[in-house]
Amino acid sequence: MAEVQKRRAKITGFGLTLLGVLAITVFMFFNFKTVVVTGNSMEPTYTDKERLLVSKAYWLVGAIRQKDVIVFRNPTGEEVIKRVYGLPGDTIDFFNTPEEWNISSGDYVVPPGKYYVIGDNREISEDSRKIGPIERGQILGKVIANR
């Protein structure tokens, strides 16, 4: 009888180890993602074909703030990397307002639940100046590391 209890303890310990590994794997799968930079709109910060680690575990890496680099899905389904320029409620300076914004309309304010993003290579970047602000739901996460 003592032998059976000892054996169960070993199986339970091994089972707990496997469950721990599984839990960590599931956590990583759902909260972290690797993306590859395509194009030059984020140069000199990130270059074409550079790999980035993205996290949507905001409780771990902090909320999205101005100057954070984020990855979002555009309406065509492409993953896009840009820098946050304005948060919901922020006023955007005239030189960075959307192309269709008329200065006679007054200050441009980022609508609630949206983020204003701009590429670091502003001359070639297609960003919120062209496509407008992005929805919070489009954001896949913020960049936390590059390789």
N, C-alpha and C. Protein backbone atom coordinates (compact mmCIF):
# COMPACT_ATOMS: atom_id res chain seq x y z
N MET A 1 0.82 -1.19 0.00
CA MET A 1 0.00 0.00 0.00
C MET A 1 0.87 1.26 0.00
N ALA A 2 1.96 1.29 0.74
CA ALA A 2 2.85 2.44 0.80
C ALA A 2 3.50 2.68 -0.55
N GLU A 3 3.78 1.58 -1.27
CA GLU A 3 4.37 1.67 -2.60
C GLU A 3 3.43 2.38 -3.58
N VAL A 4 2.16 2.08 -3.51
CA VAL A 4 1.16 2.69 -4.40
C VAL A 4 1.06 4.18 -4.12
N GLN A 5 1.07 4.59 -2.85
CA GLN A 5 1.00 6.00 -2.51
C GLN A 5 2.24 6.75 -3.00
N LYS A 6 3.41 6.14 -2.88
CA LYS A 6 4.64 6.75 -3.36
C LYS A 6 4.57 6.97 -4.88
N ARG A 7 4.08 5.98 -5.58
CA ARG A 7 3.98 6.06 -7.04
C ARG A 7 3.02 7.17 -7.45
N ARG A 8 1.91 7.29 -6.77
CA ARG A 8 0.94 8.34 -7.07
C ARG A 8 1.56 9.72 -6.86
N ALA A 9 2.37 9.86 -5.84
CA ALA A 9 3.02 11.14 -5.56
C ALA A 9 3.94 11.52 -6.72
N LYS A 10 4.67 10.55 -7.26
CA LYS A 10 5.55 10.83 -8.39
C LYS A 10 4.75 11.23 -9.61
N ILE A 11 3.67 10.53 -9.87
CA ILE A 11 2.83 10.85 -11.03
C ILE A 11 2.22 12.23 -10.84
N THR A 12 1.77 12.55 -9.67
CA THR A 12 1.17 13.85 -9.39
C THR A 12 2.20 14.96 -9.58
N GLY A 13 3.42 14.76 -9.08
CA GLY A 13 4.47 15.77 -9.25
C GLY A 13 4.80 15.98 -10.72
N PHE A 14 4.92 14.89 -11.47
CA PHE A 14 5.19 15.00 -12.91
C PHE A 14 4.02 15.66 -13.62
N GLY A 15 2.81 15.29 -13.23
CA GLY A 15 1.60 15.88 -13.83
C GLY A 15 1.53 17.37 -13.56
N LEU A 16 1.87 17.78 -12.33
CA LEU A 16 1.87 19.20 -12.00
C LEU A 16 2.91 19.96 -12.82
N THR A 17 4.06 19.33 -13.02
CA THR A 17 5.09 19.96 -13.85
C THR A 17 4.59 20.15 -15.28
N LEU A 18 3.96 19.12 -15.82
CA LEU A 18 3.41 19.23 -17.17
C LEU A 18 2.33 20.30 -17.25
N LEU A 19 1.46 20.37 -16.25
CA LEU A 19 0.43 21.40 -16.23
C LEU A 19 1.04 22.80 -16.15
N GLY A 20 2.11 22.95 -15.38
CA GLY A 20 2.81 24.23 -15.29
C GLY A 20 3.39 24.65 -16.64
N VAL A 21 4.04 23.70 -17.32
CA VAL A 21 4.60 23.98 -18.65
C VAL A 21 3.49 24.34 -19.63
N LEU A 22 2.39 23.59 -19.57
CA LEU A 22 1.26 23.88 -20.44
C LEU A 22 0.69 25.26 -20.17
N ALA A 23 0.56 25.63 -18.90
CA ALA A 23 0.03 26.95 -18.54
C ALA A 23 0.92 28.07 -19.08
N ILE A 24 2.23 27.91 -18.93
CA ILE A 24 3.17 28.92 -19.44
C ILE A 24 3.07 29.01 -20.96
N THR A 25 2.98 27.87 -21.63
CA THR A 25 2.88 27.85 -23.09
C THR A 25 1.61 28.55 -23.56
N VAL A 26 0.49 28.25 -22.91
CA VAL A 26 -0.78 28.90 -23.28
C VAL A 26 -0.70 30.40 -23.03
N PHE A 27 -0.13 30.80 -21.89
CA PHE A 27 0.03 32.22 -21.58
C PHE A 27 0.85 32.93 -22.66
N MET A 28 1.98 32.34 -23.04
CA MET A 28 2.83 32.94 -24.08
C MET A 28 2.10 33.01 -25.41
N PHE A 29 1.38 31.96 -25.77
CA PHE A 29 0.68 31.91 -27.05
C PHE A 29 -0.37 33.02 -27.15
N PHE A 30 -1.12 33.25 -26.10
CA PHE A 30 -2.20 34.23 -26.15
C PHE A 30 -1.76 35.66 -25.85
N ASN A 31 -0.59 35.87 -25.28
CA ASN A 31 -0.18 37.21 -24.88
C ASN A 31 1.03 37.77 -25.62
N PHE A 32 1.75 36.95 -26.36
CA PHE A 32 2.94 37.42 -27.07
C PHE A 32 2.90 36.94 -28.52
N LYS A 33 3.49 37.74 -29.39
CA LYS A 33 3.49 37.42 -30.81
C LYS A 33 4.76 37.99 -31.43
N THR A 34 5.28 37.31 -32.43
CA THR A 34 6.43 37.82 -33.18
C THR A 34 5.92 38.34 -34.52
N VAL A 35 6.34 39.54 -34.89
CA VAL A 35 5.97 40.11 -36.19
C VAL A 35 7.25 40.51 -36.93
N VAL A 36 7.15 40.54 -38.24
CA VAL A 36 8.29 40.93 -39.07
C VAL A 36 7.97 42.26 -39.73
N VAL A 37 8.90 43.20 -39.64
CA VAL A 37 8.72 44.51 -40.26
C VAL A 37 8.78 44.36 -41.77
N THR A 38 7.80 44.94 -42.46
CA THR A 38 7.84 44.99 -43.92
C THR A 38 7.76 46.44 -44.35
N GLY A 39 8.73 46.87 -45.12
CA GLY A 39 8.75 48.25 -45.58
C GLY A 39 9.67 49.12 -44.74
N ASN A 40 9.69 50.39 -45.11
CA ASN A 40 10.64 51.33 -44.50
C ASN A 40 9.97 52.45 -43.70
N SER A 41 8.69 52.33 -43.41
CA SER A 41 7.98 53.43 -42.76
C SER A 41 8.38 53.66 -41.31
N MET A 42 9.09 52.72 -40.69
CA MET A 42 9.53 52.91 -39.30
C MET A 42 11.03 53.13 -39.18
N GLU A 43 11.71 53.34 -40.31
CA GLU A 43 13.15 53.63 -40.24
C GLU A 43 13.35 55.00 -39.62
N PRO A 44 14.37 55.23 -38.87
CA PRO A 44 15.53 54.37 -38.59
C PRO A 44 15.32 53.44 -37.39
N THR A 45 14.17 53.53 -36.71
CA THR A 45 13.95 52.71 -35.51
C THR A 45 13.95 51.23 -35.82
N TYR A 46 13.16 50.83 -36.82
CA TYR A 46 13.09 49.43 -37.24
C TYR A 46 13.26 49.35 -38.74
N THR A 47 14.01 48.35 -39.19
CA THR A 47 14.28 48.21 -40.62
C THR A 47 13.50 47.04 -41.21
N ASP A 48 13.42 47.01 -42.52
CA ASP A 48 12.72 45.95 -43.24
C ASP A 48 13.26 44.58 -42.83
N LYS A 49 12.36 43.64 -42.60
CA LYS A 49 12.65 42.24 -42.24
C LYS A 49 13.14 42.05 -40.81
N GLU A 50 13.13 43.11 -40.00
CA GLU A 50 13.50 42.98 -38.59
C GLU A 50 12.35 42.30 -37.84
N ARG A 51 12.69 41.45 -36.87
CA ARG A 51 11.66 40.73 -36.10
C ARG A 51 11.42 41.47 -34.78
N LEU A 52 10.13 41.58 -34.41
CA LEU A 52 9.76 42.28 -33.18
C LEU A 52 8.88 41.39 -32.31
N LEU A 53 9.03 41.51 -31.00
CA LEU A 53 8.18 40.80 -30.06
C LEU A 53 7.11 41.77 -29.58
N VAL A 54 5.85 41.35 -29.69
CA VAL A 54 4.71 42.20 -29.37
C VAL A 54 3.94 41.55 -28.23
N SER A 55 3.47 42.38 -27.29
CA SER A 55 2.68 41.85 -26.17
C SER A 55 1.35 42.57 -26.08
N LYS A 56 0.31 41.80 -25.81
CA LYS A 56 -0.98 42.41 -25.53
C LYS A 56 -1.35 42.22 -24.06
N ALA A 57 -0.39 41.78 -23.25
CA ALA A 57 -0.58 41.66 -21.80
C ALA A 57 -0.25 43.01 -21.18
N TYR A 58 -1.19 43.96 -21.31
CA TYR A 58 -0.93 45.33 -20.86
C TYR A 58 -0.72 45.42 -19.36
N TRP A 59 -1.29 44.51 -18.59
CA TRP A 59 -1.08 44.49 -17.15
C TRP A 59 0.37 44.18 -16.83
N LEU A 60 1.08 43.56 -17.78
CA LEU A 60 2.47 43.18 -17.60
C LEU A 60 3.43 44.24 -18.15
N VAL A 61 3.09 44.82 -19.31
CA VAL A 61 4.00 45.75 -19.99
C VAL A 61 3.54 47.20 -19.92
N GLY A 62 2.40 47.46 -19.32
CA GLY A 62 1.90 48.83 -19.19
C GLY A 62 0.92 49.18 -20.29
N ALA A 63 0.08 50.15 -19.99
CA ALA A 63 -0.94 50.60 -20.94
C ALA A 63 -0.29 51.29 -22.14
N ILE A 64 -1.03 51.43 -23.21
CA ILE A 64 -0.54 52.12 -24.40
C ILE A 64 -0.44 53.62 -24.08
N ARG A 65 0.73 54.17 -24.36
CA ARG A 65 0.99 55.60 -24.11
C ARG A 65 1.56 56.24 -25.37
N GLN A 66 1.63 57.56 -25.36
CA GLN A 66 2.26 58.26 -26.47
C GLN A 66 3.71 57.78 -26.59
N LYS A 67 4.17 57.70 -27.81
CA LYS A 67 5.52 57.28 -28.20
C LYS A 67 5.73 55.78 -28.15
N ASP A 68 4.75 54.99 -27.68
CA ASP A 68 4.87 53.53 -27.76
C ASP A 68 4.76 53.11 -29.22
N VAL A 69 5.44 52.04 -29.58
CA VAL A 69 5.30 51.47 -30.91
C VAL A 69 4.31 50.32 -30.79
N ILE A 70 3.29 50.34 -31.65
CA ILE A 70 2.25 49.31 -31.58
C ILE A 70 2.12 48.60 -32.92
N VAL A 71 1.47 47.46 -32.88
CA VAL A 71 1.13 46.71 -34.09
C VAL A 71 -0.39 46.66 -34.12
N PHE A 72 -0.97 47.00 -35.28
CA PHE A 72 -2.42 46.91 -35.43
C PHE A 72 -2.75 46.30 -36.78
N ARG A 73 -3.98 45.85 -36.89
CA ARG A 73 -4.46 45.25 -38.13
C ARG A 73 -5.27 46.30 -38.87
N ASN A 74 -4.84 46.61 -40.11
CA ASN A 74 -5.58 47.60 -40.90
C ASN A 74 -6.82 46.95 -41.52
N PRO A 75 -7.71 47.73 -42.13
CA PRO A 75 -8.94 47.16 -42.68
C PRO A 75 -8.74 46.05 -43.72
N THR A 76 -7.58 46.01 -44.38
CA THR A 76 -7.33 44.95 -45.35
C THR A 76 -6.79 43.68 -44.70
N GLY A 77 -6.55 43.73 -43.37
CA GLY A 77 -6.07 42.55 -42.65
C GLY A 77 -4.57 42.51 -42.46
N GLU A 78 -3.85 43.50 -42.99
CA GLU A 78 -2.40 43.56 -42.85
C GLU A 78 -2.01 44.00 -41.45
N GLU A 79 -0.90 43.47 -40.94
CA GLU A 79 -0.36 43.93 -39.67
C GLU A 79 0.54 45.13 -39.95
N VAL A 80 0.31 46.23 -39.24
CA VAL A 80 1.02 47.48 -39.48
C VAL A 80 1.70 47.92 -38.18
N ILE A 81 2.92 48.44 -38.29
CA ILE A 81 3.68 48.90 -37.13
C ILE A 81 3.82 50.41 -37.21
N LYS A 82 3.38 51.11 -36.17
CA LYS A 82 3.47 52.58 -36.12
C LYS A 82 3.69 53.02 -34.68
N ARG A 83 4.04 54.29 -34.52
CA ARG A 83 4.24 54.89 -33.20
C ARG A 83 2.99 55.67 -32.81
N VAL A 84 2.59 55.55 -31.55
CA VAL A 84 1.41 56.27 -31.05
C VAL A 84 1.78 57.75 -30.91
N TYR A 85 1.00 58.58 -31.61
CA TYR A 85 1.23 60.02 -31.57
C TYR A 85 0.18 60.71 -30.69
N GLY A 86 -1.02 60.16 -30.68
CA GLY A 86 -2.08 60.75 -29.88
C GLY A 86 -3.03 59.71 -29.32
N LEU A 87 -3.42 59.93 -28.08
CA LEU A 87 -4.36 59.05 -27.38
C LEU A 87 -5.76 59.64 -27.50
N PRO A 88 -6.80 58.88 -27.14
CA PRO A 88 -8.15 59.42 -27.19
C PRO A 88 -8.25 60.74 -26.41
N GLY A 89 -8.80 61.76 -27.04
CA GLY A 89 -8.96 63.06 -26.40
C GLY A 89 -7.80 64.02 -26.61
N ASP A 90 -6.66 63.56 -27.15
CA ASP A 90 -5.51 64.44 -27.39
C ASP A 90 -5.76 65.34 -28.59
N THR A 91 -5.19 66.55 -28.53
CA THR A 91 -5.24 67.47 -29.66
C THR A 91 -4.00 67.26 -30.50
N ILE A 92 -4.19 67.13 -31.81
CA ILE A 92 -3.08 66.89 -32.74
C ILE A 92 -2.69 68.22 -33.38
N ASP A 93 -1.39 68.49 -33.44
CA ASP A 93 -0.93 69.74 -34.05
C ASP A 93 -1.29 69.79 -35.53
N PHE A 94 -1.40 70.97 -36.08
CA PHE A 94 -1.88 71.17 -37.44
C PHE A 94 -1.05 70.42 -38.48
N PHE A 95 0.26 70.32 -38.30
CA PHE A 95 1.13 69.68 -39.29
C PHE A 95 0.94 68.17 -39.37
N ASN A 96 0.27 67.59 -38.39
CA ASN A 96 0.07 66.14 -38.36
C ASN A 96 -1.39 65.72 -38.39
N THR A 97 -2.29 66.64 -38.66
CA THR A 97 -3.71 66.30 -38.74
C THR A 97 -3.99 65.47 -39.98
N PRO A 98 -5.14 64.79 -40.01
CA PRO A 98 -5.49 64.03 -41.21
C PRO A 98 -5.56 64.94 -42.43
N GLU A 99 -5.21 64.38 -43.59
CA GLU A 99 -5.17 65.17 -44.83
C GLU A 99 -6.49 65.88 -45.12
N GLU A 100 -7.62 65.23 -44.82
CA GLU A 100 -8.91 65.83 -45.14
C GLU A 100 -9.39 66.83 -44.10
N TRP A 101 -8.65 67.01 -43.01
CA TRP A 101 -9.06 67.93 -41.95
C TRP A 101 -8.87 69.36 -42.41
N ASN A 102 -9.89 70.17 -42.24
CA ASN A 102 -9.86 71.57 -42.63
C ASN A 102 -9.52 72.40 -41.40
N ILE A 103 -8.53 73.26 -41.52
CA ILE A 103 -8.08 74.07 -40.37
C ILE A 103 -9.21 74.96 -39.85
N SER A 104 -10.14 75.33 -40.72
CA SER A 104 -11.26 76.17 -40.28
C SER A 104 -12.20 75.41 -39.35
N SER A 105 -12.04 74.10 -39.28
CA SER A 105 -12.86 73.30 -38.37
C SER A 105 -12.34 73.35 -36.94
N GLY A 106 -11.21 73.99 -36.73
CA GLY A 106 -10.61 74.09 -35.39
C GLY A 106 -9.59 73.01 -35.15
N ASP A 107 -9.29 72.80 -33.89
CA ASP A 107 -8.30 71.79 -33.52
C ASP A 107 -8.83 70.39 -33.82
N TYR A 108 -7.90 69.52 -34.22
CA TYR A 108 -8.27 68.12 -34.42
C TYR A 108 -8.05 67.39 -33.11
N VAL A 109 -9.10 66.75 -32.59
CA VAL A 109 -9.02 66.00 -31.34
C VAL A 109 -9.26 64.52 -31.67
N VAL A 110 -8.38 63.66 -31.14
CA VAL A 110 -8.51 62.22 -31.37
C VAL A 110 -9.83 61.76 -30.72
N PRO A 111 -10.70 61.12 -31.51
CA PRO A 111 -11.99 60.68 -30.97
C PRO A 111 -11.84 59.63 -29.86
N PRO A 112 -12.85 59.52 -28.99
CA PRO A 112 -12.80 58.51 -27.92
C PRO A 112 -12.65 57.10 -28.50
N GLY A 113 -11.84 56.28 -27.85
CA GLY A 113 -11.65 54.90 -28.26
C GLY A 113 -10.76 54.73 -29.48
N LYS A 114 -10.11 55.82 -29.92
CA LYS A 114 -9.23 55.74 -31.09
C LYS A 114 -7.84 56.24 -30.74
N TYR A 115 -6.87 55.83 -31.57
CA TYR A 115 -5.48 56.20 -31.37
C TYR A 115 -4.93 56.78 -32.67
N TYR A 116 -4.12 57.82 -32.54
CA TYR A 116 -3.52 58.47 -33.69
C TYR A 116 -2.09 57.98 -33.80
N VAL A 117 -1.74 57.36 -34.94
CA VAL A 117 -0.43 56.75 -35.11
C VAL A 117 0.30 57.34 -36.31
N ILE A 118 1.61 57.44 -36.18
CA ILE A 118 2.45 57.99 -37.26
C ILE A 118 3.72 57.15 -37.35
N GLY A 119 4.18 56.90 -38.57
CA GLY A 119 5.43 56.18 -38.78
C GLY A 119 6.62 57.07 -38.53
N ASP A 120 7.74 56.49 -38.12
CA ASP A 120 8.94 57.27 -37.84
C ASP A 120 9.53 57.89 -39.11
N ASN A 121 9.38 57.23 -40.25
CA ASN A 121 9.84 57.75 -41.53
C ASN A 121 8.65 58.48 -42.18
N ARG A 122 8.38 59.67 -41.70
CA ARG A 122 7.14 60.39 -42.02
C ARG A 122 6.92 60.66 -43.51
N GLU A 123 7.99 60.79 -44.26
CA GLU A 123 7.85 61.12 -45.69
C GLU A 123 7.14 60.00 -46.47
N ILE A 124 7.37 58.75 -46.08
CA ILE A 124 6.79 57.65 -46.85
C ILE A 124 5.72 56.86 -46.09
N SER A 125 5.48 57.23 -44.85
CA SER A 125 4.57 56.46 -44.01
C SER A 125 3.10 56.74 -44.33
N GLU A 126 2.33 55.67 -44.48
CA GLU A 126 0.87 55.80 -44.60
C GLU A 126 0.32 55.53 -43.22
N ASP A 127 -0.09 56.59 -42.55
CA ASP A 127 -0.49 56.48 -41.16
C ASP A 127 -1.79 57.24 -40.92
N SER A 128 -2.03 57.67 -39.70
CA SER A 128 -3.28 58.34 -39.36
C SER A 128 -3.48 59.65 -40.12
N ARG A 129 -2.42 60.23 -40.64
CA ARG A 129 -2.58 61.43 -41.45
C ARG A 129 -3.32 61.10 -42.74
N LYS A 130 -3.18 59.87 -43.19
CA LYS A 130 -3.83 59.42 -44.43
C LYS A 130 -5.08 58.58 -44.15
N ILE A 131 -5.00 57.66 -43.21
CA ILE A 131 -6.10 56.72 -42.97
C ILE A 131 -6.98 57.10 -41.78
N GLY A 132 -6.58 58.14 -41.04
CA GLY A 132 -7.34 58.53 -39.86
C GLY A 132 -6.92 57.71 -38.64
N PRO A 133 -7.51 58.03 -37.50
CA PRO A 133 -7.14 57.31 -36.28
C PRO A 133 -7.62 55.86 -36.33
N ILE A 134 -6.98 55.00 -35.55
CA ILE A 134 -7.36 53.59 -35.55
C ILE A 134 -8.17 53.26 -34.30
N GLU A 135 -9.01 52.25 -34.44
CA GLU A 135 -9.85 51.80 -33.33
C GLU A 135 -9.00 51.04 -32.31
N ARG A 136 -9.38 51.09 -31.08
CA ARG A 136 -8.71 50.34 -30.01
C ARG A 136 -8.74 48.84 -30.33
N GLY A 137 -9.82 48.36 -30.90
CA GLY A 137 -9.97 46.95 -31.21
C GLY A 137 -9.04 46.45 -32.31
N GLN A 138 -8.46 47.36 -33.10
CA GLN A 138 -7.53 46.97 -34.16
C GLN A 138 -6.12 46.67 -33.63
N ILE A 139 -5.83 47.15 -32.42
CA ILE A 139 -4.48 47.02 -31.87
C ILE A 139 -4.23 45.59 -31.40
N LEU A 140 -3.14 45.01 -31.92
CA LEU A 140 -2.74 43.65 -31.55
C LEU A 140 -1.82 43.64 -30.34
N GLY A 141 -1.13 44.75 -30.09
CA GLY A 141 -0.24 44.84 -28.93
C GLY A 141 0.84 45.88 -29.14
N LYS A 142 1.67 46.02 -28.13
CA LYS A 142 2.77 46.98 -28.25
C LYS A 142 4.11 46.25 -28.30
N VAL A 143 5.02 46.85 -29.04
CA VAL A 143 6.35 46.25 -29.25
C VAL A 143 7.13 46.34 -27.95
N ILE A 144 7.71 45.21 -27.53
CA ILE A 144 8.49 45.21 -26.30
C ILE A 144 9.96 44.84 -26.53
N ALA A 145 10.27 44.26 -27.68
CA ALA A 145 11.66 43.89 -27.96
C ALA A 145 11.85 43.66 -29.46
N ASN A 146 13.10 43.81 -29.91
CA ASN A 146 13.43 43.48 -31.30
C ASN A 146 14.68 42.61 -31.32
N ARG A 147 14.81 41.86 -32.45
CA ARG A 147 15.98 41.00 -32.59
C ARG A 147 16.69 41.33 -33.86
